[in-house]
Amino acid sequence: MKNKRSSYLVKALSIVLCLTFLFMTSSTIAFAGKNDPAAPKKVEVDSMQTFLLDSIASKNNTEIANYISAVTKKNLTATTESIAKAIKGNWNSKNGQAEIKSILVKYLLFTTKAKLGFTAIIREGISDVVIPKDFSSKIKAKINADITGNSKDDRGLKFMVKSLQIVQKLVTSLSEEKVVTLKLNNLLVPKFEFNRLENYPFVTSSVTEVFQTMNTLPFDGDFDSFTTYYEKFLNSCNVYDAISFLYLLKDNNIQYQLALE
């Protein structure tokens, strides 16, 4: 029975891969005449969330993370000035430095795990995240707006991918479990399922601690709500969008497992 299921799965995946190839190579023609989906309503994110996004996107992200990790009440002012110079832009102004100082005061009140999660994702950065050229504009606009408040700000999508990368990397070091599962029914309709990783609370809690520093997310600030929210969204998308998301995972070395419903 197991061999038959394995054989069926291989055949199913072969068909999906063929369809994927045909679909992706013809996507430029098929969608060239269509406008991008209506952009989600722009939302203003608070200074803490903006600071986090600017820090992970900065070329000096590692340096910024090191400054934050070493901040104390005694070196607060000096650390503020160092971070402002590292991020540059509006942060390196009188008002910008005042915001950074306020953010660092809040950071000092974080739990130890929250501090580690906050600096870890900044240190990781998002410069290595790849967004395929023909990636679904619907998914991109949605996730960008959810996380950055701006549907055209790709740091939102990159932040989501980086979060999945970090979680998968931590889980992979312990087991062969995957964060994402692609399920296929008899009609080969793809459906995503995100692993809630109940057996790895120390992994998911680290991500939760980071989410809880971000006050304008559309889901509750925990890993379970994050996975539930995007699982529901992705499964409401069409086949093209689903295939596009698979390419996003593949291009960023996020492995997913395959299963039949």
Protein backbone atom coordinates (compact mmCIF):
# COMPACT_ATOMS: atom_id res chain seq x y z
CA MET A 1 0.00 0.00 0.00
CA LYS A 2 2.84 2.31 0.91
CA ASN A 3 4.53 1.68 -2.45
CA LYS A 4 1.31 2.47 -4.31
CA ARG A 5 0.89 5.74 -2.43
CA SER A 6 4.52 6.63 -3.09
CA SER A 7 4.10 5.80 -6.79
CA TYR A 8 0.94 7.91 -7.00
CA LEU A 9 2.66 10.78 -5.26
CA VAL A 10 5.60 10.67 -7.65
CA LYS A 11 3.24 10.69 -10.66
CA ALA A 12 1.20 13.50 -9.16
CA LEU A 13 4.25 15.59 -8.51
CA SER A 14 5.56 14.94 -12.01
CA ILE A 15 2.33 16.33 -13.44
CA VAL A 16 2.44 19.31 -11.10
CA LEU A 17 6.04 20.06 -12.07
CA CYS A 18 5.15 19.92 -15.77
CA LEU A 19 2.17 22.19 -15.22
CA THR A 20 4.33 24.47 -13.13
CA PHE A 21 6.90 24.79 -15.89
CA LEU A 22 4.27 25.53 -18.53
CA PHE A 23 2.45 27.92 -16.26
CA MET A 24 5.52 29.87 -15.22
CA THR A 25 6.92 30.15 -18.75
CA SER A 26 3.59 31.46 -20.03
CA SER A 27 2.84 33.69 -17.03
CA THR A 28 4.32 36.78 -18.67
CA ILE A 29 1.85 36.49 -21.56
CA ALA A 30 -1.11 35.38 -19.47
CA PHE A 31 -0.84 38.16 -16.91
CA ALA A 32 0.80 40.95 -18.90
CA GLY A 33 -2.49 42.62 -19.69
CA LYS A 34 -3.80 42.55 -16.12
CA ASN A 35 -3.33 45.28 -13.57
CA ASP A 36 -1.88 44.51 -10.16
CA PRO A 37 -4.56 43.70 -7.59
CA ALA A 38 -5.88 46.66 -5.63
CA ALA A 39 -3.30 47.53 -3.01
CA PRO A 40 -4.36 46.93 0.59
CA LYS A 41 -5.03 50.04 2.64
CA LYS A 42 -1.84 51.68 3.83
CA VAL A 43 -1.32 51.46 7.58
CA GLU A 44 1.03 53.60 9.67
CA VAL A 45 3.44 51.46 11.69
CA ASP A 46 4.85 52.67 14.99
CA SER A 47 8.45 53.78 15.57
CA MET A 48 9.53 50.44 17.11
CA GLN A 49 8.33 48.49 14.08
CA THR A 50 9.86 51.03 11.67
CA PHE A 51 13.15 50.84 13.57
CA LEU A 52 13.18 47.04 13.35
CA LEU A 53 12.48 47.09 9.60
CA ASP A 54 15.09 49.78 8.93
CA SER A 55 17.66 47.91 11.02
CA ILE A 56 17.23 44.51 9.32
CA ALA A 57 17.37 46.19 5.89
CA SER A 58 20.48 48.23 6.70
CA LYS A 59 23.88 47.29 5.31
CA ASN A 60 25.13 47.83 8.86
CA ASN A 61 22.62 45.41 10.40
CA THR A 62 25.26 43.32 12.21
CA GLU A 63 26.84 46.42 13.70
CA ILE A 64 23.43 47.71 14.81
CA ALA A 65 22.57 44.37 16.44
CA ASN A 66 25.87 44.44 18.34
CA TYR A 67 25.21 47.97 19.60
CA ILE A 68 21.73 47.02 20.80
CA SER A 69 22.97 43.85 22.52
CA ALA A 70 25.50 45.87 24.50
CA VAL A 71 23.24 48.76 25.54
CA THR A 72 22.91 49.58 29.24
CA LYS A 73 21.50 52.51 31.19
CA LYS A 74 25.01 53.93 31.49
CA ASN A 75 25.89 53.86 27.77
CA LEU A 76 22.37 54.65 26.52
CA THR A 77 23.24 58.03 24.99
CA ALA A 78 26.45 56.82 23.36
CA THR A 79 24.70 53.73 21.97
CA THR A 80 21.89 55.91 20.60
CA GLU A 81 24.39 58.05 18.70
CA SER A 82 26.24 54.99 17.34
CA ILE A 83 23.04 53.36 16.09
CA ALA A 84 21.81 56.61 14.53
CA LYS A 85 25.05 56.92 12.54
CA ALA A 86 24.84 53.27 11.49
CA ILE A 87 21.23 53.43 10.23
CA LYS A 88 21.63 56.95 8.83
CA GLY A 89 18.69 58.74 7.18
CA ASN A 90 16.06 60.32 9.43
CA TRP A 91 17.33 58.35 12.41
CA ASN A 92 20.52 60.41 12.41
CA SER A 93 18.67 63.61 13.30
CA LYS A 94 17.73 65.17 16.62
CA ASN A 95 14.19 63.75 16.50
CA GLY A 96 15.44 60.44 15.12
CA GLN A 97 17.93 59.98 17.93
CA ALA A 98 15.24 60.81 20.48
CA GLU A 99 13.12 58.00 18.97
CA ILE A 100 16.05 55.56 19.10
CA LYS A 101 16.71 56.42 22.73
CA SER A 102 13.06 55.79 23.57
CA ILE A 103 13.17 52.47 21.70
CA LEU A 104 16.31 51.39 23.57
CA VAL A 105 14.66 52.21 26.90
CA LYS A 106 11.80 49.88 25.92
CA TYR A 107 14.32 47.27 24.78
CA LEU A 108 15.97 47.28 28.21
CA LEU A 109 12.61 46.23 29.65
CA PHE A 110 12.27 43.25 27.29
CA THR A 111 12.62 39.71 28.61
CA THR A 112 15.95 38.02 27.95
CA LYS A 113 14.39 35.88 25.20
CA ALA A 114 12.77 38.94 23.59
CA LYS A 115 16.13 40.73 23.55
CA LEU A 116 17.81 37.73 21.93
CA GLY A 117 15.06 37.37 19.32
CA PHE A 118 15.06 41.09 18.51
CA THR A 119 18.81 41.34 17.99
CA ALA A 120 19.03 37.94 16.26
CA ILE A 121 16.67 38.88 13.44
CA ILE A 122 18.44 42.23 12.97
CA ARG A 123 21.79 40.44 12.84
CA GLU A 124 20.40 37.97 10.26
CA GLY A 125 19.25 40.82 8.02
CA ILE A 126 17.20 40.40 4.85
CA SER A 127 19.72 41.21 2.12
CA ASP A 128 20.02 37.53 1.18
CA VAL A 129 16.27 37.00 0.69
CA VAL A 130 15.35 36.44 -2.96
CA ILE A 131 12.01 37.50 -4.47
CA PRO A 132 11.46 35.89 -7.89
CA LYS A 133 11.03 38.43 -10.68
CA ASP A 134 7.59 37.09 -11.64
CA PHE A 135 6.42 36.52 -8.08
CA SER A 136 2.69 36.90 -7.42
CA SER A 137 1.82 40.60 -7.07
CA LYS A 138 -1.22 39.64 -4.99
CA ILE A 139 0.79 37.81 -2.34
CA LYS A 140 3.56 40.40 -2.36
CA ALA A 141 1.17 43.35 -1.88
CA LYS A 142 -0.73 41.58 0.88
CA ILE A 143 2.27 40.56 2.98
CA ASN A 144 4.07 43.87 2.43
CA ALA A 145 1.03 45.81 3.64
CA ASP A 146 0.57 43.48 6.61
CA ILE A 147 4.08 43.98 7.93
CA THR A 148 5.31 47.36 6.68
CA GLY A 149 2.00 49.17 6.17
CA ASN A 150 2.93 49.71 2.50
CA SER A 151 2.02 47.21 -0.23
CA LYS A 152 5.08 48.26 -2.28
CA ASP A 153 7.62 47.88 0.52
CA ASP A 154 9.23 44.48 -0.14
CA ARG A 155 10.80 44.42 3.31
CA GLY A 156 7.49 42.98 4.49
CA LEU A 157 7.72 39.89 2.29
CA LYS A 158 11.43 39.56 3.04
CA PHE A 159 10.75 39.74 6.78
CA MET A 160 8.21 36.91 6.50
CA VAL A 161 10.63 34.76 4.48
CA LYS A 162 13.45 35.44 6.93
CA SER A 163 11.18 34.44 9.84
CA LEU A 164 10.43 31.10 8.12
CA GLN A 165 14.12 30.62 7.34
CA ILE A 166 15.15 31.13 10.95
CA VAL A 167 12.48 28.78 12.30
CA GLN A 168 13.26 26.09 9.72
CA LYS A 169 16.99 26.37 10.40
CA LEU A 170 16.45 25.89 14.14
CA VAL A 171 14.08 22.94 13.66
CA THR A 172 16.33 21.29 11.05
CA SER A 173 19.18 21.27 13.55
CA LEU A 174 17.00 19.04 15.75
CA SER A 175 14.86 16.95 13.37
CA GLU A 176 13.74 16.49 9.77
CA GLU A 177 10.41 18.27 10.27
CA LYS A 178 9.47 20.95 7.76
CA VAL A 179 7.70 24.21 8.51
CA VAL A 180 5.61 24.08 5.32
CA THR A 181 3.67 21.18 3.80
CA LEU A 182 2.16 21.21 0.30
CA LYS A 183 -0.88 18.96 0.11
CA LEU A 184 -2.41 17.74 -3.14
CA ASN A 185 -5.92 16.32 -3.51
CA ASN A 186 -7.13 13.96 -6.25
CA LEU A 187 -7.46 16.90 -8.63
CA LEU A 188 -3.90 17.98 -7.82
CA VAL A 189 -5.13 21.24 -6.32
CA PRO A 190 -2.36 22.54 -4.05
CA LYS A 191 -3.09 23.44 -0.44
CA PHE A 192 -0.63 24.79 2.10
CA GLU A 193 -0.35 23.70 5.69
CA PHE A 194 2.02 25.36 8.15
CA ASN A 195 3.51 23.23 10.90
CA ARG A 196 2.56 24.67 14.30
CA LEU A 197 5.69 23.03 15.80
CA GLU A 198 4.04 22.28 19.15
CA ASN A 199 7.05 20.12 20.07
CA TYR A 200 9.44 23.06 19.70
CA PRO A 201 8.06 25.82 21.96
CA PHE A 202 11.56 27.19 22.55
CA VAL A 203 11.84 27.81 18.79
CA THR A 204 8.41 29.31 18.20
CA SER A 205 8.55 31.43 21.35
CA SER A 206 11.63 33.22 20.00
CA VAL A 207 9.70 34.32 16.92
CA THR A 208 6.70 35.19 19.08
CA GLU A 209 8.88 37.50 21.17
CA VAL A 210 9.86 39.41 18.01
CA PHE A 211 6.29 39.64 16.73
CA GLN A 212 5.19 41.06 20.06
CA THR A 213 7.44 44.08 19.57
CA MET A 214 5.47 44.89 16.40
CA ASN A 215 2.18 46.58 17.25
CA THR A 216 0.47 46.83 13.85
CA LEU A 217 0.46 43.24 12.62
CA PRO A 218 -2.91 41.87 11.38
CA PHE A 219 -2.54 38.71 13.45
CA ASP A 220 -1.97 38.16 17.17
CA GLY A 221 1.69 38.43 18.10
CA ASP A 222 2.57 34.74 18.26
CA PHE A 223 3.86 32.06 15.89
CA ASP A 224 0.62 30.06 15.89
CA SER A 225 -1.46 33.08 14.83
CA PHE A 226 1.14 33.94 12.19
CA THR A 227 0.96 30.49 10.61
CA THR A 228 -2.85 30.29 10.87
CA TYR A 229 -3.28 33.70 9.27
CA TYR A 230 -1.02 33.08 6.27
CA GLU A 231 -2.15 29.49 5.81
CA LYS A 232 -5.71 30.78 5.38
CA PHE A 233 -4.62 33.56 3.04
CA LEU A 234 -2.45 31.37 0.79
CA ASN A 235 -5.19 28.75 0.49
CA SER A 236 -7.58 31.46 -0.74
CA CYS A 237 -5.26 32.23 -3.65
CA ASN A 238 -5.37 30.71 -7.12
CA VAL A 239 -3.04 28.03 -8.52
CA TYR A 240 -0.68 30.58 -10.08
CA ASP A 241 -0.21 32.29 -6.71
CA ALA A 242 0.33 28.93 -4.98
CA ILE A 243 3.01 27.91 -7.48
CA SER A 244 4.59 31.35 -7.16
CA PHE A 245 4.86 30.90 -3.39
CA LEU A 246 6.54 27.51 -3.88
CA TYR A 247 9.18 29.17 -6.06
CA LEU A 248 9.70 31.77 -3.34
CA LEU A 249 10.38 28.97 -0.83
CA LYS A 250 12.65 27.13 -3.25
CA ASP A 251 14.70 30.22 -4.14
CA ASN A 252 15.28 30.89 -0.46
CA ASN A 253 16.23 27.31 0.46
CA ILE A 254 13.16 26.76 2.62
CA GLN A 255 12.36 23.09 2.20
CA TYR A 256 8.76 21.94 2.22
CA GLN A 257 7.29 18.45 2.41
CA LEU A 258 4.74 17.00 0.02
CA ALA A 259 1.68 14.97 0.93
CA LEU A 260 -1.58 13.69 -0.51
CA GLU A 261 -4.87 14.59 1.15
